[in-house]
Every structure is written in C-alpha cells, then in structure tokens.
C-alpha cells in the first residue's frame, strides 16, 4: 500500500516577509501618518528646485526690499511669500525646502556610514571574543558614556567646517550605538549550533561574519538606524545653530533657525519658528516610524 507524500510548507520568501512586515506596520495609524509625512518631506526636499518659488541662495535673485516680509505678503517677484522672508529677502518656504535637502543628506550619509562602521566593529568583537572583544567593547563603552553632542562639538572644532567634516564627526560620535547593538545580537547568535557548524568548516571568517552572523543581527540594527538618522539630523541642526556646522553656502535647518534667532523677540517670529517646526516634524516623524518598526521586529511581541 503506497504512502502519501508528506506535506511540506512553502519556504517564506523575501516578498512574503515584506508583506507580513507591512501588514503589521500598518496596524498603527500614527505610524502610517508619520510615514506619509516622511515621504512628503523627502519628496519636497528632492524636488526643491522645482517646487520652491525662489532659489534662496542665488544672490542675484534676492532683493533687500523684500527683507522681513510677513507671511502672506507679495514681494517684488510678484509671488506670495506664504511663510514670509528673512533679513536677506530670502523666501522662508524656499529656504526650508533647500535646508531640508542638506539636513536629509547629512542625516542619511552619517547614519549609513555609522551603520557600516559600527556593524563591522561589533561583528569583529563578537566573532573573535576574548581580549579583542574586551578591548573593543571597553572603547565602545567609554564612548557611550559621553554625550554624542559633546563628541560632535569637539570633533567639528578639530576638523573644521564643511559637509564631509561634519559627516565624519557625526559618524565618529554615533557608530558606537551600532557597534553595541550588533555585538549584543551577534554574541547571542555566536553561541548557537549553526555558527559552530559553520566554524568547523574551512570557511573564511568574512563568510561567517557577513553570511551567518550579520543577517540574524539585522532587525535591531534597522531600528537603531532609523533612530540614528533622526539623531544625526538633530545633531547637525544643533551644530549649525551654534555656528560649528555647515558654512553659509550650504544651508540647513539649523542655520536657518540661527539666522532668525535675533529677531525672535522683535515680532518677526516666522524667520526662526517655521524652520524649527520643519525640523521638529522631520525628527518626530522619523522617530515615530522607527518606534513602529521596533514594535514590528520585536521577537517578544504577541501575535
């Protein structure tokens, strides 16, 4: 009598995992609203040259007669300045769009480079263990004991102003968060049988690190990466506000807030308030998305 073949469940594909992730993610209306805000901000920043009514950093297009116009007034260019103008006659709405471009570029670049560096350091510490792990993690613990803004201030003061100098300072100030997260996740995986089996074969170390340890440490890294991009944007804005970030030729939200700070108590609130609102919306929206990503990827959550 022939036996019926055993039923096998289909393997979960990448598209299935993505569909399951989106199904869980959209359970939070707040996260969906935050995601819409993030997408809208990114699109407006990328399309700034086509959306903004003025290039706020083209000196030939500026008119001092348009300086400090209130929101809703019509300038010499014949269009309405919906958010007003600053002391140089720049349209605040246009300046915010261009500032968002710079802030997002700095945040994504710094977050991505810190992710790569911190992940590599954490994987090496978890893989080799012993004195190598102790030395690396003591350095990481020492760095984590210091505020990120303090480290960034010192590094920017040493490296000077400029986009790449600022990104380098933010990476050096933030990679430790990724290293600590990667080390914790990879250390737990390092003691499992499948890693021991991989180590018993003549596989190179990089194969075990990036093909076995890294994929199982990705969920917490995705959460940290989302949060650190928002932190990078906030740190960049803080440094630019203090005059230590980007030069005046590379606008950012922090420098826009700084430019209008002196007029804040003179009734011309819009010069600082509107860039500040844009910065707050960006950081809060990214953090809300990151919180929901953390909830979805949390292995301990109830289903």
Protein backbone atom coordinates (compact mmCIF):
# COMPACT_ATOMS: atom_id res chain seq x y z
CA UNK A 1 0.00 0.00 0.00
CA UNK A 2 1.60 3.27 -1.13
CA UNK A 3 2.15 6.04 1.36
CA UNK A 4 1.02 9.54 0.56
CA UNK A 5 3.88 12.02 0.35
CA UNK A 6 4.42 14.23 3.36
CA UNK A 7 3.06 17.75 3.12
CA UNK A 8 5.74 20.43 3.04
CA UNK A 9 5.15 24.06 3.84
CA UNK A 10 6.49 26.53 1.29
CA UNK A 11 9.54 28.44 2.37
CA UNK A 12 8.96 32.05 3.35
CA UNK A 13 10.30 34.30 0.62
CA UNK A 14 11.57 37.83 0.87
CA UNK A 15 8.33 39.19 -0.59
CA UNK A 16 6.33 37.24 1.99
CA UNK A 17 8.40 38.70 4.82
CA UNK A 18 7.95 42.18 3.38
CA UNK A 19 4.19 41.67 3.06
CA UNK A 20 3.99 40.43 6.66
CA UNK A 21 6.06 43.38 7.84
CA UNK A 22 3.80 45.87 6.06
CA UNK A 23 0.69 44.12 7.37
CA UNK A 24 1.95 44.54 10.92
CA UNK A 25 3.31 48.05 10.36
CA UNK A 26 0.04 49.49 9.07
CA UNK A 27 -1.79 48.44 12.24
CA UNK A 28 -0.70 51.76 13.76
CA UNK A 29 -2.48 54.81 12.25
CA UNK A 30 0.08 57.09 13.92
CA UNK A 31 2.97 55.26 12.21
CA UNK A 32 1.20 55.44 8.84
CA UNK A 33 0.65 59.19 9.26
CA UNK A 34 4.31 59.62 10.26
CA UNK A 35 5.44 57.59 7.24
CA UNK A 36 3.33 59.80 4.94
CA UNK A 37 4.95 62.89 6.49
CA UNK A 38 8.45 61.42 5.99
CA UNK A 39 7.73 60.54 2.35
CA UNK A 40 6.26 64.01 1.72
CA UNK A 41 9.29 65.71 3.31
CA UNK A 42 11.73 63.62 1.26
CA UNK A 43 9.86 64.32 -1.99
CA UNK A 44 9.68 68.05 -1.31
CA UNK A 45 13.39 68.14 -0.44
CA UNK A 46 14.39 66.20 -3.56
CA UNK A 47 12.14 68.32 -5.80
CA UNK A 48 13.08 71.61 -4.11
CA UNK A 49 14.44 73.23 -7.31
CA UNK A 50 11.08 72.57 -8.99
CA UNK A 51 8.78 73.24 -6.01
CA UNK A 52 10.42 76.27 -4.40
CA UNK A 53 9.38 79.62 -5.92
CA UNK A 54 12.88 81.01 -5.35
CA UNK A 55 16.47 79.83 -5.16
CA UNK A 56 17.18 81.37 -1.75
CA UNK A 57 20.95 81.12 -2.19
CA UNK A 58 21.18 82.81 -5.58
CA UNK A 59 22.37 86.23 -4.51
CA UNK A 60 21.37 87.84 -7.81
CA UNK A 61 17.72 86.83 -7.28
CA UNK A 62 17.47 88.40 -3.82
CA UNK A 63 16.06 91.86 -3.22
CA UNK A 64 16.64 93.67 0.07
CA UNK A 65 13.30 95.43 -0.37
CA UNK A 66 11.76 92.00 0.34
CA UNK A 67 13.57 91.70 3.69
CA UNK A 68 11.48 90.59 6.67
CA UNK A 69 8.16 90.46 4.84
CA UNK A 70 5.38 88.98 6.93
CA UNK A 71 3.77 85.65 5.94
CA UNK A 72 1.31 86.09 3.11
CA UNK A 73 2.79 89.28 1.68
CA UNK A 74 3.61 89.67 -2.01
CA UNK A 75 7.24 90.51 -2.78
CA UNK A 76 8.91 92.27 -5.68
CA UNK A 77 8.99 88.97 -7.57
CA UNK A 78 5.20 89.04 -7.88
CA UNK A 79 4.51 85.87 -5.86
CA UNK A 80 3.21 85.37 -2.35
CA UNK A 81 5.73 84.61 0.40
CA UNK A 82 3.49 82.23 2.34
CA UNK A 83 5.94 81.90 5.23
CA UNK A 84 7.48 85.36 4.94
CA UNK A 85 11.09 86.29 4.25
CA UNK A 86 14.25 86.68 6.32
CA UNK A 87 16.63 89.63 6.76
CA UNK A 88 18.26 88.95 3.37
CA UNK A 89 14.95 88.79 1.48
CA UNK A 90 15.01 85.02 1.11
CA UNK A 91 11.68 83.25 0.89
CA UNK A 92 11.38 81.17 4.08
CA UNK A 93 9.42 78.36 2.38
CA UNK A 94 12.11 78.02 -0.30
CA UNK A 95 14.89 78.19 2.29
CA UNK A 96 13.21 75.41 4.31
CA UNK A 97 13.00 73.13 1.27
CA UNK A 98 16.67 73.65 0.42
CA UNK A 99 17.61 73.31 4.09
CA UNK A 100 15.72 70.02 4.29
CA UNK A 101 17.79 68.70 1.38
CA UNK A 102 21.02 69.41 3.20
CA UNK A 103 19.79 68.10 6.54
CA UNK A 104 18.49 64.86 4.99
CA UNK A 105 21.71 64.33 3.03
CA UNK A 106 23.79 64.77 6.19
CA UNK A 107 21.48 62.56 8.24
CA UNK A 108 21.35 59.71 5.73
CA UNK A 109 25.08 59.84 4.97
CA UNK A 110 26.10 59.94 8.62
CA UNK A 111 23.59 57.25 9.61
CA UNK A 112 24.63 54.93 6.76
CA UNK A 113 28.37 55.28 7.37
CA UNK A 114 27.92 54.87 11.13
CA UNK A 115 25.85 51.73 10.44
CA UNK A 116 28.59 50.20 8.28
CA UNK A 117 31.41 51.09 10.67
CA UNK A 118 29.58 50.17 13.87
CA UNK A 119 28.25 46.90 12.45
CA UNK A 120 31.73 45.84 11.33
CA UNK A 121 33.27 46.67 14.70
CA UNK A 122 30.50 44.87 16.61
CA UNK A 123 30.73 41.76 14.43
CA UNK A 124 34.52 41.56 14.83
CA UNK A 125 34.21 41.84 18.61
CA UNK A 126 31.53 39.12 18.77
CA UNK A 127 33.35 36.81 16.36
CA UNK A 128 36.83 36.83 17.89
CA UNK A 129 35.87 37.23 21.55
CA UNK A 130 38.50 37.16 24.29
CA UNK A 131 40.89 40.08 24.58
CA UNK A 132 39.87 41.53 21.21
CA UNK A 133 36.24 41.67 22.33
CA UNK A 134 37.17 43.11 25.74
CA UNK A 135 39.35 45.84 24.23
CA UNK A 136 36.84 46.88 21.55
CA UNK A 137 33.84 46.90 23.86
CA UNK A 138 35.64 48.88 26.57
CA UNK A 139 36.38 51.57 23.99
CA UNK A 140 32.74 51.48 22.89
CA UNK A 141 31.52 51.70 26.49
CA UNK A 142 33.83 54.66 27.12
CA UNK A 143 32.45 56.47 24.08
CA UNK A 144 28.84 55.71 25.01
CA UNK A 145 29.44 57.24 28.45
CA UNK A 146 29.98 60.62 26.77
CA UNK A 147 27.12 62.67 25.22
CA UNK A 148 27.08 62.46 21.43
CA UNK A 149 26.71 66.24 21.12
CA UNK A 150 29.88 66.76 23.18
CA UNK A 151 31.89 64.40 20.98
CA UNK A 152 30.49 66.02 17.83
CA UNK A 153 31.37 69.51 19.11
CA UNK A 154 34.97 68.51 19.83
CA UNK A 155 35.41 66.72 16.50
CA UNK A 156 33.88 69.53 14.44
CA UNK A 157 36.10 72.06 16.22
CA UNK A 158 39.12 69.91 15.30
CA UNK A 159 38.12 69.09 11.70
CA UNK A 160 36.65 72.47 10.72
CA UNK A 161 33.54 73.39 8.76
CA UNK A 162 32.35 71.54 5.69
CA UNK A 163 29.94 68.80 4.66
CA UNK A 164 32.39 65.90 4.80
CA UNK A 165 33.97 67.13 8.04
CA UNK A 166 30.53 67.32 9.65
CA UNK A 167 29.57 63.85 8.41
CA UNK A 168 32.87 62.42 9.70
CA UNK A 169 32.25 63.99 13.12
CA UNK A 170 28.69 62.60 13.30
CA UNK A 171 29.86 59.12 12.25
CA UNK A 172 32.57 59.10 14.90
CA UNK A 173 30.06 60.26 17.52
CA UNK A 174 27.35 57.71 16.64
CA UNK A 175 28.93 54.48 15.36
CA UNK A 176 29.22 53.16 18.93
CA UNK A 177 25.42 52.73 19.15
CA UNK A 178 25.50 50.38 16.17
CA UNK A 179 28.57 48.56 17.49
CA UNK A 180 26.92 47.89 20.87
CA UNK A 181 23.67 46.70 19.24
CA UNK A 182 25.49 44.47 16.74
CA UNK A 183 27.71 42.98 19.43
CA UNK A 184 24.74 42.10 21.62
CA UNK A 185 22.80 40.41 18.81
CA UNK A 186 25.83 38.69 17.27
CA UNK A 187 27.10 37.41 20.64
CA UNK A 188 23.80 35.62 21.20
CA UNK A 189 23.99 34.05 17.74
CA UNK A 190 27.70 33.19 18.13
CA UNK A 191 26.89 30.53 20.74
CA UNK A 192 24.31 28.72 18.60
CA UNK A 193 24.91 25.39 16.91
CA UNK A 194 24.68 26.59 13.33
CA UNK A 195 27.53 29.04 13.89
CA UNK A 196 29.64 26.32 15.49
CA UNK A 197 28.89 24.13 12.46
CA UNK A 198 29.98 26.91 10.10
CA UNK A 199 33.17 27.43 12.08
CA UNK A 200 34.01 23.73 11.83
CA UNK A 201 34.22 24.05 8.04
CA UNK A 202 37.09 25.75 6.18
CA UNK A 203 35.02 28.88 5.54
CA UNK A 204 36.78 32.25 5.66
CA UNK A 205 35.96 34.50 8.61
CA UNK A 206 34.24 37.10 6.44
CA UNK A 207 31.83 34.43 5.18
CA UNK A 208 30.75 33.52 8.71
CA UNK A 209 30.54 37.16 9.71
CA UNK A 210 28.50 38.52 6.83
CA UNK A 211 26.56 35.43 5.71
CA UNK A 212 25.60 33.94 9.06
CA UNK A 213 26.03 36.41 11.93
CA UNK A 214 25.01 39.64 10.19
CA UNK A 215 21.60 38.55 8.78
CA UNK A 216 20.44 37.47 12.24
CA UNK A 217 21.54 40.80 13.76
CA UNK A 218 19.74 42.96 11.19
CA UNK A 219 16.34 43.51 12.90
CA UNK A 220 17.69 45.52 15.86
CA UNK A 221 20.12 47.32 13.53
CA UNK A 222 17.25 48.51 11.31
CA UNK A 223 15.56 50.03 14.35
CA UNK A 224 18.75 51.74 15.55
CA UNK A 225 19.48 53.03 12.03
CA UNK A 226 16.07 54.67 11.81
CA UNK A 227 16.52 56.42 15.14
CA UNK A 228 20.12 57.45 14.44
CA UNK A 229 19.18 59.13 11.14
CA UNK A 230 16.82 61.36 13.12
CA UNK A 231 19.53 61.93 15.74
CA UNK A 232 22.03 62.87 13.01
CA UNK A 233 19.61 65.47 11.62
CA UNK A 234 19.07 66.91 15.10
CA UNK A 235 22.82 66.94 15.86
CA UNK A 236 23.59 68.64 12.55
CA UNK A 237 20.94 71.28 13.24
CA UNK A 238 22.37 71.86 16.72
CA UNK A 239 25.92 72.28 15.41
CA UNK A 240 24.77 74.59 12.60
CA UNK A 241 22.75 76.65 15.06
CA UNK A 242 25.90 77.11 17.15
CA UNK A 243 27.85 78.15 14.05
CA UNK A 244 30.02 75.00 14.01
CA UNK A 245 28.17 73.01 11.36
CA UNK A 246 27.87 73.78 7.68
CA UNK A 247 29.07 77.07 6.14
CA UNK A 248 26.58 79.70 4.98
CA UNK A 249 26.87 78.49 1.38
CA UNK A 250 25.38 75.11 2.42
CA UNK A 251 22.04 75.91 4.09
CA UNK A 252 20.49 73.68 6.71
CA UNK A 253 17.55 73.94 9.09
CA UNK A 254 19.88 74.69 11.99
CA UNK A 255 21.46 77.68 10.26
CA UNK A 256 18.01 78.97 9.27
CA UNK A 257 16.88 78.86 12.89
CA UNK A 258 20.09 80.60 13.94
CA UNK A 259 19.66 83.36 11.35
CA UNK A 260 16.25 84.30 12.73
CA UNK A 261 17.01 83.85 16.42
CA UNK A 262 17.96 87.51 16.88
CA UNK A 263 14.54 88.56 15.55
CA UNK A 264 12.57 86.12 17.66
CA UNK A 265 11.54 88.64 20.32
CA UNK A 266 11.04 91.55 17.89
CA UNK A 267 7.77 90.26 16.43
CA UNK A 268 9.38 88.63 13.39
CA UNK A 269 8.85 85.16 14.75
CA UNK A 270 8.47 83.45 11.37
CA UNK A 271 12.18 83.60 10.50
CA UNK A 272 13.03 81.02 13.18
CA UNK A 273 9.71 79.41 14.05
CA UNK A 274 8.87 77.88 10.68
CA UNK A 275 12.30 76.25 10.13
CA UNK A 276 12.03 74.99 13.72
CA UNK A 277 8.63 73.46 13.01
CA UNK A 278 10.02 71.78 9.89
CA UNK A 279 12.91 70.33 11.90
CA UNK A 280 10.57 69.13 14.65
CA UNK A 281 8.19 67.46 12.17
CA UNK A 282 11.07 65.71 10.42
CA UNK A 283 12.68 64.34 13.58
CA UNK A 284 9.40 63.36 15.27
CA UNK A 285 8.04 61.65 12.13
CA UNK A 286 11.21 59.60 11.64
CA UNK A 287 11.21 58.60 15.33
CA UNK A 288 7.55 57.53 15.17
CA UNK A 289 8.30 55.37 12.14
CA UNK A 290 11.29 53.91 13.99
CA UNK A 291 9.16 53.12 17.04
CA UNK A 292 6.68 51.16 14.94
CA UNK A 293 9.50 49.33 13.12
CA UNK A 294 10.87 48.34 16.55
CA UNK A 295 7.45 47.06 17.62
CA UNK A 296 7.01 45.02 14.43
CA UNK A 297 10.51 43.50 14.56
CA UNK A 298 10.37 42.77 18.29
CA UNK A 299 10.57 38.95 18.59
CA UNK A 300 8.90 39.01 22.02
CA UNK A 301 5.73 40.81 20.94
CA UNK A 302 2.48 38.84 20.98
CA UNK A 303 0.92 37.88 17.68
